[in-house]
Every structure is written in structure tokens, then in C-alpha cells.
């Protein structure tokens, strides 16, 4: 699996080949539109930053997801669907439970 840094660098190299050339802000806007939900939400904070800053934020997100500090939206959604559909096997028994979702709101530091 390709890490975020390699993906972003490869994407930027491809974007520089577009004719007429894209402005850096356009490259960032377009690259954000194709991100997975785990990255998209947090990378919106870097919209008006340099592309190198977007890469740094993306790497931090990737590390946070891998370390468990940031909950993967895809994993959370899949787990929630399993529990809501009652197809989860909890304690050897299939049960249908109400599921509460915990929403993590990132704090921004000014």
C-alpha cells in the first residue's frame, strides 16, 4: 500500500503535466476532492496552505490513523453497520444493539 507522502508527490507530479498549468491552489483543491473521508475532513484545514504543508498534514493523519489516535471513518462506519444489522458476534451470540457514535472534533490551535 502506498503511503500518503508518496501518493501526494506522485499526484503533484501528474498535476504539473496538465496544460495549461494549474496553480498550486487549484492542485490542492482538486487533490482534496479525491481524498478518502479519513483525510478529506482534516485536510480541509490546509486548503490555503502550500502543497508541502498539505503533505505534512496528510502524513500526520496517516500516522494518527495507524497509531489509533484518529479513528478511521471507514472502520467506524463498517463497525456501526455490523452492530446495527445485528450481524456482529458478541460473546458467542448474535445480538442487535443500539449503537451510539462518538464524534471526534479536531481542535485547531491558533
N, C-alpha and C. Protein backbone atom coordinates (compact mmCIF):
# COMPACT_ATOMS: atom_id res chain seq x y z
N UNK A 1 0.84 -1.19 0.00
CA UNK A 1 0.00 0.00 0.00
C UNK A 1 0.89 1.25 0.00
N UNK A 2 0.55 2.19 -0.82
CA UNK A 2 1.32 3.42 -0.96
C UNK A 2 1.02 4.35 0.21
N UNK A 3 2.07 4.95 0.79
CA UNK A 3 1.81 5.87 1.89
C UNK A 3 1.38 7.23 1.34
N UNK A 4 0.87 8.08 2.22
CA UNK A 4 0.31 9.36 1.80
C UNK A 4 1.35 10.23 1.11
N UNK A 5 2.56 10.28 1.66
CA UNK A 5 3.60 11.14 1.09
C UNK A 5 3.90 10.75 -0.36
N UNK A 6 4.11 9.46 -0.60
CA UNK A 6 4.41 9.00 -1.97
C UNK A 6 3.23 9.30 -2.90
N UNK A 7 2.02 9.05 -2.41
CA UNK A 7 0.84 9.32 -3.22
C UNK A 7 0.76 10.80 -3.60
N UNK A 8 0.93 11.68 -2.60
CA UNK A 8 0.80 13.12 -2.84
C UNK A 8 1.88 13.63 -3.80
N UNK A 9 3.10 13.14 -3.65
CA UNK A 9 4.19 13.56 -4.54
C UNK A 9 3.91 13.07 -5.96
N UNK A 10 3.48 11.81 -6.09
CA UNK A 10 3.16 11.28 -7.42
C UNK A 10 1.99 12.06 -8.04
N UNK A 11 0.97 12.37 -7.22
CA UNK A 11 -0.19 13.12 -7.72
C UNK A 11 0.25 14.50 -8.20
N UNK A 12 1.10 15.16 -7.41
CA UNK A 12 1.54 16.50 -7.80
C UNK A 12 2.35 16.47 -9.09
N UNK A 13 3.20 15.45 -9.25
CA UNK A 13 3.96 15.32 -10.49
C UNK A 13 3.03 15.18 -11.69
N UNK A 14 1.98 14.40 -11.53
CA UNK A 14 1.00 14.25 -12.62
C UNK A 14 0.27 15.56 -12.88
N UNK A 15 -0.08 16.28 -11.82
CA UNK A 15 -0.82 17.54 -11.97
C UNK A 15 0.00 18.61 -12.66
N UNK A 16 1.32 18.56 -12.51
CA UNK A 16 2.16 19.57 -13.16
C UNK A 16 2.22 19.38 -14.67
N UNK A 17 1.78 18.23 -15.15
CA UNK A 17 1.79 17.95 -16.59
C UNK A 17 0.55 18.47 -17.31
N UNK A 18 -0.42 18.93 -16.55
CA UNK A 18 -1.67 19.43 -17.14
C UNK A 18 -1.37 20.70 -17.93
N UNK A 19 -2.03 20.83 -19.06
CA UNK A 19 -1.84 22.00 -19.90
C UNK A 19 -3.19 22.66 -20.14
N UNK A 20 -3.40 23.90 -19.81
CA UNK A 20 -2.48 24.84 -19.20
C UNK A 20 -2.19 24.46 -17.76
N UNK A 21 -1.04 24.90 -17.25
CA UNK A 21 -0.62 24.54 -15.89
C UNK A 21 -1.63 25.01 -14.84
N UNK A 22 -1.79 24.17 -13.82
CA UNK A 22 -2.68 24.51 -12.71
C UNK A 22 -1.90 25.34 -11.70
N UNK A 23 -2.60 26.27 -11.07
CA UNK A 23 -2.00 26.99 -9.94
C UNK A 23 -1.92 26.01 -8.78
N UNK A 24 -1.01 26.29 -7.85
CA UNK A 24 -0.87 25.40 -6.70
C UNK A 24 -2.18 25.28 -5.92
N UNK A 25 -2.91 26.37 -5.78
CA UNK A 25 -4.18 26.33 -5.05
C UNK A 25 -5.19 25.43 -5.75
N UNK A 26 -5.17 25.41 -7.09
CA UNK A 26 -6.05 24.52 -7.85
C UNK A 26 -5.65 23.06 -7.65
N UNK A 27 -4.34 22.80 -7.64
CA UNK A 27 -3.85 21.43 -7.43
C UNK A 27 -4.31 20.92 -6.06
N UNK A 28 -4.23 21.78 -5.05
CA UNK A 28 -4.65 21.39 -3.71
C UNK A 28 -6.14 21.12 -3.68
N UNK A 29 -6.93 22.02 -4.26
CA UNK A 29 -8.39 21.85 -4.28
C UNK A 29 -8.79 20.53 -4.95
N UNK A 30 -8.19 20.25 -6.09
CA UNK A 30 -8.53 19.03 -6.83
C UNK A 30 -8.07 17.79 -6.07
N UNK A 31 -6.86 17.84 -5.51
CA UNK A 31 -6.36 16.67 -4.79
C UNK A 31 -7.20 16.37 -3.55
N UNK A 32 -7.74 17.40 -2.91
CA UNK A 32 -8.58 17.19 -1.74
C UNK A 32 -9.90 16.52 -2.11
N UNK A 33 -10.41 16.84 -3.29
CA UNK A 33 -11.69 16.28 -3.72
C UNK A 33 -11.64 14.76 -3.90
N UNK A 34 -10.47 14.20 -4.14
CA UNK A 34 -10.36 12.76 -4.38
C UNK A 34 -9.91 11.98 -3.14
N UNK A 35 -9.78 12.67 -2.01
CA UNK A 35 -9.32 12.00 -0.80
C UNK A 35 -10.43 11.17 -0.16
N UNK A 36 -9.99 10.14 0.56
CA UNK A 36 -10.92 9.33 1.34
C UNK A 36 -11.43 10.17 2.50
N UNK A 37 -12.60 9.82 3.04
CA UNK A 37 -13.17 10.61 4.14
C UNK A 37 -12.22 10.81 5.32
N UNK A 38 -11.39 9.81 5.62
CA UNK A 38 -10.44 9.94 6.74
C UNK A 38 -9.54 11.15 6.56
N UNK A 39 -9.16 11.42 5.34
CA UNK A 39 -8.23 12.51 5.06
C UNK A 39 -8.96 13.80 4.70
N UNK A 40 -10.01 13.70 3.93
CA UNK A 40 -10.70 14.87 3.39
C UNK A 40 -11.09 15.85 4.49
N UNK A 41 -11.75 15.36 5.52
CA UNK A 41 -12.25 16.22 6.60
C UNK A 41 -11.13 17.05 7.21
N UNK A 42 -10.03 16.40 7.54
CA UNK A 42 -8.94 17.09 8.21
C UNK A 42 -8.11 17.94 7.25
N UNK A 43 -7.97 17.50 6.03
CA UNK A 43 -7.16 18.25 5.06
C UNK A 43 -7.84 19.54 4.62
N UNK A 44 -9.12 19.65 4.85
CA UNK A 44 -9.79 20.90 4.52
C UNK A 44 -9.17 22.08 5.26
N UNK A 45 -8.60 21.79 6.42
CA UNK A 45 -7.93 22.84 7.20
C UNK A 45 -6.69 23.38 6.50
N UNK A 46 -6.18 22.63 5.55
CA UNK A 46 -4.95 23.02 4.86
C UNK A 46 -5.20 23.55 3.45
N UNK A 47 -6.43 23.89 3.14
CA UNK A 47 -6.79 24.28 1.77
C UNK A 47 -5.94 25.44 1.25
N UNK A 48 -5.70 26.42 2.02
CA UNK A 48 -4.96 27.59 1.53
C UNK A 48 -3.48 27.58 1.95
N UNK A 49 -2.98 26.41 2.27
CA UNK A 49 -1.57 26.24 2.62
C UNK A 49 -0.81 25.82 1.38
N UNK A 50 0.51 25.78 1.49
CA UNK A 50 1.34 25.27 0.40
C UNK A 50 1.15 23.76 0.30
N UNK A 51 1.39 23.22 -0.89
CA UNK A 51 1.20 21.78 -1.10
C UNK A 51 2.07 20.97 -0.15
N UNK A 52 3.25 21.46 0.17
CA UNK A 52 4.13 20.75 1.11
C UNK A 52 3.49 20.67 2.49
N UNK A 53 2.74 21.67 2.88
CA UNK A 53 2.04 21.65 4.17
C UNK A 53 0.90 20.64 4.15
N UNK A 54 0.22 20.53 3.02
CA UNK A 54 -0.84 19.53 2.87
C UNK A 54 -0.26 18.13 3.04
N UNK A 55 0.91 17.91 2.45
CA UNK A 55 1.57 16.61 2.58
C UNK A 55 1.91 16.32 4.04
N UNK A 56 2.43 17.33 4.75
CA UNK A 56 2.77 17.15 6.17
C UNK A 56 1.52 16.78 6.98
N UNK A 57 0.43 17.49 6.74
CA UNK A 57 -0.82 17.20 7.46
C UNK A 57 -1.30 15.79 7.12
N UNK A 58 -1.24 15.43 5.85
CA UNK A 58 -1.64 14.09 5.43
C UNK A 58 -0.82 13.00 6.08
N UNK A 59 0.49 13.23 6.20
CA UNK A 59 1.36 12.25 6.87
C UNK A 59 1.00 12.12 8.35
N UNK A 60 0.70 13.24 8.99
CA UNK A 60 0.30 13.21 10.39
C UNK A 60 -1.02 12.45 10.56
N UNK A 61 -1.94 12.67 9.65
CA UNK A 61 -3.21 11.93 9.68
C UNK A 61 -2.98 10.44 9.52
N UNK A 62 -2.17 10.09 8.56
CA UNK A 62 -1.87 8.68 8.31
C UNK A 62 -1.27 8.03 9.55
N UNK A 63 -0.32 8.71 10.18
CA UNK A 63 0.30 8.18 11.40
C UNK A 63 -0.71 8.10 12.54
N UNK A 64 -1.60 9.09 12.64
CA UNK A 64 -2.63 9.08 13.67
C UNK A 64 -3.61 7.93 13.50
N UNK A 65 -3.97 7.63 12.27
CA UNK A 65 -4.88 6.51 11.99
C UNK A 65 -4.19 5.19 12.31
N UNK A 66 -2.93 5.06 11.88
CA UNK A 66 -2.18 3.82 12.13
C UNK A 66 -1.98 3.58 13.63
N UNK A 67 -1.75 4.65 14.39
CA UNK A 67 -1.49 4.50 15.82
C UNK A 67 -2.77 4.41 16.65
N UNK A 68 -3.90 4.67 16.01
CA UNK A 68 -5.17 4.61 16.73
C UNK A 68 -5.57 5.92 17.40
N UNK A 69 -4.78 6.97 17.21
CA UNK A 69 -5.11 8.27 17.78
C UNK A 69 -6.26 8.93 17.04
N UNK A 70 -6.41 8.58 15.77
CA UNK A 70 -7.52 9.06 14.96
C UNK A 70 -8.30 7.85 14.50
N UNK A 71 -9.61 7.89 14.67
CA UNK A 71 -10.45 6.77 14.29
C UNK A 71 -10.73 6.84 12.80
N UNK A 72 -10.49 5.74 12.11
CA UNK A 72 -10.77 5.65 10.69
C UNK A 72 -12.28 5.71 10.49
N UNK A 73 -12.73 6.62 9.65
CA UNK A 73 -14.16 6.75 9.38
C UNK A 73 -14.70 5.51 8.69
N UNK A 74 -13.92 4.91 7.82
CA UNK A 74 -14.36 3.70 7.13
C UNK A 74 -14.53 2.55 8.11
N UNK A 75 -13.59 2.40 9.05
CA UNK A 75 -13.69 1.33 10.06
C UNK A 75 -14.85 1.59 11.00
N UNK A 76 -15.04 2.84 11.39
CA UNK A 76 -16.15 3.21 12.28
C UNK A 76 -17.49 2.92 11.61
N UNK A 77 -17.60 3.27 10.34
CA UNK A 77 -18.84 3.04 9.60
C UNK A 77 -19.12 1.54 9.46
N UNK A 78 -18.10 0.78 9.13
CA UNK A 78 -18.27 -0.67 8.97
C UNK A 78 -18.69 -1.32 10.29
N UNK A 79 -18.04 -0.93 11.37
CA UNK A 79 -18.37 -1.48 12.68
C UNK A 79 -19.79 -1.11 13.08
N UNK A 80 -20.16 0.12 12.86
CA UNK A 80 -21.50 0.58 13.19
C UNK A 80 -22.55 -0.19 12.40
N UNK A 81 -22.31 -0.41 11.11
CA UNK A 81 -23.27 -1.15 10.28
C UNK A 81 -23.40 -2.59 10.75
N UNK A 82 -22.30 -3.22 11.12
CA UNK A 82 -22.35 -4.60 11.60
C UNK A 82 -23.20 -4.67 12.87
N UNK A 83 -22.94 -3.74 13.79
CA UNK A 83 -23.68 -3.75 15.05
C UNK A 83 -25.16 -3.42 14.84
N UNK A 84 -25.46 -2.47 13.97
CA UNK A 84 -26.85 -2.10 13.72
C UNK A 84 -27.62 -3.19 13.01
N UNK A 85 -26.94 -3.96 12.17
CA UNK A 85 -27.61 -5.03 11.44
C UNK A 85 -27.74 -6.29 12.28
N UNK A 86 -27.13 -6.28 13.45
CA UNK A 86 -27.24 -7.45 14.31
C UNK A 86 -26.42 -8.62 13.83
N UNK A 87 -25.50 -8.39 12.92
CA UNK A 87 -24.71 -9.50 12.40
C UNK A 87 -23.38 -9.64 13.12
N UNK A 88 -23.19 -8.83 14.16
CA UNK A 88 -21.96 -8.94 14.94
C UNK A 88 -22.05 -10.12 15.89
N UNK A 89 -20.95 -10.77 16.13
CA UNK A 89 -20.93 -11.91 17.02
C UNK A 89 -20.25 -11.47 18.30
N UNK A 90 -21.05 -11.09 19.28
CA UNK A 90 -20.52 -10.57 20.53
C UNK A 90 -20.74 -11.61 21.61
N UNK A 91 -19.67 -12.08 22.22
CA UNK A 91 -19.77 -13.07 23.28
C UNK A 91 -20.35 -14.38 22.81
N UNK A 92 -20.15 -14.73 21.54
CA UNK A 92 -20.65 -16.00 21.04
C UNK A 92 -22.11 -15.97 20.63
N UNK A 93 -22.79 -14.85 20.85
CA UNK A 93 -24.21 -14.75 20.49
C UNK A 93 -24.40 -13.59 19.52
N UNK A 94 -25.28 -13.77 18.58
CA UNK A 94 -25.61 -12.67 17.69
C UNK A 94 -26.64 -11.80 18.39
N UNK A 95 -26.35 -10.51 18.46
CA UNK A 95 -27.24 -9.59 19.15
C UNK A 95 -27.44 -8.34 18.31
N UNK A 96 -28.58 -7.74 18.45
CA UNK A 96 -28.86 -6.46 17.82
C UNK A 96 -28.89 -5.43 18.93
N UNK A 97 -28.07 -4.41 18.82
CA UNK A 97 -27.97 -3.39 19.86
C UNK A 97 -28.08 -2.01 19.25
N UNK A 98 -28.51 -1.07 20.08
CA UNK A 98 -28.45 0.32 19.66
C UNK A 98 -27.01 0.75 19.74
N UNK A 99 -26.58 1.53 18.79
CA UNK A 99 -25.20 1.95 18.73
C UNK A 99 -25.13 3.46 18.84
N UNK A 100 -24.30 3.93 19.73
CA UNK A 100 -24.04 5.36 19.84
C UNK A 100 -22.73 5.64 19.14
N UNK A 101 -22.69 6.69 18.40
CA UNK A 101 -21.48 7.05 17.67
C UNK A 101 -20.77 8.17 18.41
N UNK A 102 -19.47 8.02 18.57
CA UNK A 102 -18.66 9.05 19.17
C UNK A 102 -18.04 9.85 18.05
N UNK A 103 -18.21 11.14 18.08
CA UNK A 103 -17.67 12.00 17.05
C UNK A 103 -16.47 12.74 17.62
N UNK A 104 -15.34 12.62 16.95
CA UNK A 104 -14.14 13.33 17.37
C UNK A 104 -14.06 14.63 16.59
N UNK A 105 -13.95 15.74 17.32
CA UNK A 105 -13.84 17.04 16.69
C UNK A 105 -12.42 17.54 16.89
N UNK A 106 -11.71 17.78 15.78
CA UNK A 106 -10.32 18.24 15.94
C UNK A 106 -10.28 19.64 16.52
N UNK A 107 -9.31 19.87 17.40
CA UNK A 107 -9.11 21.20 17.94
C UNK A 107 -8.11 21.91 17.06
N UNK A 108 -8.39 23.14 16.75
CA UNK A 108 -7.44 23.91 15.96
C UNK A 108 -6.74 24.87 16.90
N UNK A 109 -5.46 25.01 16.70
CA UNK A 109 -4.67 25.89 17.54
C UNK A 109 -4.25 27.09 16.72
N UNK A 110 -4.51 28.25 17.25
CA UNK A 110 -4.21 29.47 16.52
C UNK A 110 -2.96 30.09 17.06
